[in-house]
N, C-alpha and C. Protein backbone atom coordinates (compact mmCIF):
# COMPACT_ATOMS: atom_id res chain seq x y z
N MET A 1 107.20 -78.64 75.50
CA MET A 1 107.36 -78.09 75.07
C MET A 1 108.67 -79.11 74.16
N GLU A 2 109.55 -78.61 73.21
CA GLU A 2 111.21 -79.54 73.52
C GLU A 2 111.96 -78.89 74.31
N LYS A 3 113.05 -79.20 74.71
CA LYS A 3 113.53 -78.62 75.53
C LYS A 3 114.49 -77.41 74.99
N GLU A 4 114.50 -77.36 73.68
CA GLU A 4 115.17 -75.71 72.97
C GLU A 4 114.44 -75.02 72.49
N LYS A 5 112.94 -75.58 71.87
CA LYS A 5 112.02 -74.39 72.07
C LYS A 5 112.02 -73.51 73.18
N LEU A 6 111.48 -74.33 74.10
CA LEU A 6 111.40 -73.86 75.35
C LEU A 6 112.54 -72.97 75.72
N GLN A 7 113.99 -72.40 75.22
CA GLN A 7 114.78 -71.90 75.77
C GLN A 7 114.99 -71.24 74.35
N GLU A 8 115.01 -71.20 73.61
CA GLU A 8 114.27 -69.71 72.72
C GLU A 8 113.41 -68.70 73.07
N LEU A 9 112.40 -69.64 73.39
CA LEU A 9 110.99 -69.03 74.18
C LEU A 9 111.41 -67.69 74.78
N ILE A 10 113.01 -68.53 76.30
CA ILE A 10 112.73 -67.77 77.45
C ILE A 10 114.19 -67.00 76.79
N GLN A 11 115.07 -67.18 75.65
CA GLN A 11 115.86 -66.46 75.11
C GLN A 11 114.53 -64.82 74.85
N TRP A 12 113.86 -65.35 74.19
CA TRP A 12 113.58 -64.17 73.37
C TRP A 12 112.24 -63.20 74.56
N LEU A 13 111.93 -63.99 75.38
CA LEU A 13 111.06 -62.71 76.36
C LEU A 13 111.86 -62.18 76.24
N ASN A 14 113.32 -62.75 77.51
CA ASN A 14 113.99 -61.74 77.94
C ASN A 14 115.20 -60.52 77.16
N ALA A 15 115.21 -60.90 75.54
CA ALA A 15 114.95 -59.45 74.74
C ALA A 15 114.79 -58.74 74.99
N GLN A 16 112.88 -59.39 75.22
CA GLN A 16 111.54 -58.23 74.78
C GLN A 16 111.75 -57.40 76.34
N ILE A 17 111.68 -58.08 77.23
CA ILE A 17 111.66 -56.89 78.84
C ILE A 17 113.19 -56.20 78.68
N SER A 18 113.64 -57.07 77.91
CA SER A 18 115.16 -55.77 78.04
C SER A 18 114.56 -54.55 77.32
N TYR A 19 114.63 -54.61 76.04
CA TYR A 19 114.01 -54.12 75.31
C TYR A 19 113.16 -52.79 75.17
N ALA A 20 111.99 -53.79 76.80
CA ALA A 20 110.29 -52.87 77.12
C ALA A 20 111.81 -52.10 78.18
N ASN A 21 112.00 -52.19 79.37
CA ASN A 21 112.77 -51.57 80.12
C ASN A 21 113.70 -50.72 79.65
N GLU A 22 114.44 -50.58 78.68
CA GLU A 22 114.89 -49.99 77.74
C GLU A 22 113.92 -48.52 77.74
N ALA A 23 112.97 -48.75 77.17
CA ALA A 23 111.94 -47.84 76.37
C ALA A 23 111.93 -47.07 77.30
N ILE A 24 111.53 -48.07 78.43
CA ILE A 24 110.66 -47.63 79.20
C ILE A 24 111.24 -45.98 80.11
N ASN A 25 113.04 -46.46 80.62
CA ASN A 25 113.71 -45.35 80.54
C ASN A 25 114.04 -44.28 79.53
N GLU A 26 113.61 -44.41 78.32
CA GLU A 26 113.98 -44.30 77.74
C GLU A 26 112.48 -42.22 77.47
N ALA A 27 111.73 -43.11 77.94
CA ALA A 27 110.20 -42.43 78.21
C ALA A 27 109.94 -41.64 79.40
N HIS A 28 111.11 -42.26 80.12
CA HIS A 28 110.99 -41.11 81.31
C HIS A 28 112.26 -40.43 81.79
N ARG A 29 113.00 -40.21 80.46
CA ARG A 29 113.60 -38.58 80.08
C ARG A 29 113.64 -38.22 79.78
N THR A 30 112.42 -38.02 78.90
CA THR A 30 111.66 -37.43 77.88
C THR A 30 110.42 -37.20 78.52
N ASN A 31 110.12 -36.96 79.78
CA ASN A 31 108.80 -37.00 80.24
C ASN A 31 107.21 -37.98 78.99
N ASN A 32 107.50 -38.42 78.77
CA ASN A 32 106.68 -39.63 78.06
C ASN A 32 105.85 -40.47 78.70
N TYR A 33 105.15 -40.08 79.06
CA TYR A 33 104.74 -40.61 80.66
C TYR A 33 103.49 -41.53 79.93
N GLY A 34 103.00 -41.63 78.97
CA GLY A 34 102.24 -42.11 78.11
C GLY A 34 102.70 -43.27 77.71
N ARG A 35 103.43 -43.33 76.75
CA ARG A 35 104.73 -43.86 76.31
C ARG A 35 105.19 -45.25 77.51
N GLU A 36 105.43 -44.74 78.69
CA GLU A 36 106.50 -45.50 79.66
C GLU A 36 105.55 -46.52 80.06
N THR A 37 104.63 -45.73 80.57
CA THR A 37 103.06 -47.05 81.11
C THR A 37 102.36 -47.87 79.82
N MET A 38 102.65 -47.39 78.89
CA MET A 38 102.47 -48.50 77.86
C MET A 38 103.54 -49.44 77.49
N TYR A 39 105.04 -49.50 78.22
CA TYR A 39 105.79 -50.18 77.31
C TYR A 39 105.71 -51.04 79.38
N GLU A 40 105.64 -49.75 80.10
CA GLU A 40 105.48 -51.01 81.78
C GLU A 40 104.61 -52.19 81.56
N GLY A 41 103.41 -52.10 81.28
CA GLY A 41 102.55 -52.82 81.07
C GLY A 41 102.41 -54.37 79.72
N ILE A 42 103.12 -53.95 78.98
CA ILE A 42 103.91 -54.96 78.03
C ILE A 42 105.05 -55.40 78.58
N ARG A 43 106.50 -54.82 79.63
CA ARG A 43 107.51 -55.54 80.02
C ARG A 43 106.89 -56.86 81.39
N ASP A 44 105.10 -56.14 82.12
CA ASP A 44 104.84 -57.36 83.01
C ASP A 44 104.48 -58.12 82.31
N ALA A 45 103.63 -58.22 81.15
CA ALA A 45 102.62 -59.79 80.93
C ALA A 45 104.36 -60.24 80.11
N PHE A 46 105.29 -59.52 79.69
CA PHE A 46 106.09 -60.69 79.31
C PHE A 46 106.80 -61.21 80.70
N MET A 47 106.75 -60.66 81.34
CA MET A 47 107.16 -60.73 82.47
C MET A 47 106.57 -61.88 83.55
N ARG A 48 105.35 -61.65 83.27
CA ARG A 48 104.44 -63.35 83.17
C ARG A 48 104.33 -64.40 82.59
N CYS A 49 104.59 -64.15 81.71
CA CYS A 49 104.78 -65.33 80.48
C CYS A 49 105.53 -65.80 80.94
N LEU A 50 106.65 -65.41 81.47
CA LEU A 50 108.34 -66.03 81.15
C LEU A 50 108.16 -66.68 82.84
N ASN A 51 107.44 -66.03 83.90
CA ASN A 51 107.40 -67.17 85.05
C ASN A 51 106.63 -67.77 84.93
N ARG A 52 105.55 -68.08 84.52
CA ARG A 52 105.09 -69.11 84.68
C ARG A 52 105.65 -70.12 83.61
N ILE A 53 106.61 -69.61 82.83
CA ILE A 53 106.72 -70.35 81.98
C ILE A 53 108.24 -70.85 83.01
N SER A 54 109.06 -70.48 83.42
CA SER A 54 109.84 -71.07 84.15
C SER A 54 109.81 -71.46 85.47
N HIS A 55 108.72 -71.17 85.79
CA HIS A 55 108.08 -72.12 87.07
C HIS A 55 106.80 -73.22 87.11
N GLY A 56 106.82 -73.53 86.33
CA GLY A 56 105.40 -74.31 85.48
C GLY A 56 104.26 -74.07 85.70
C-alpha cells in the first residue's frame, strides 16, 4: 500500500477509535450498557486493525 494511503487509513482508524471512546463514555454515563458493550467491541476491532497495520 502506498505510504500516503496507509497514513490516511491510520488517521481514519484513530478517528474511529476516538469516536468509539466518546460513545462508550456517553453510554456509561447514561447507564446504557448494551450500547457501551457494542462500542467497546467496535473500538477493539479498530484497535486490532491499527495494531496489525502499524506492526506489520
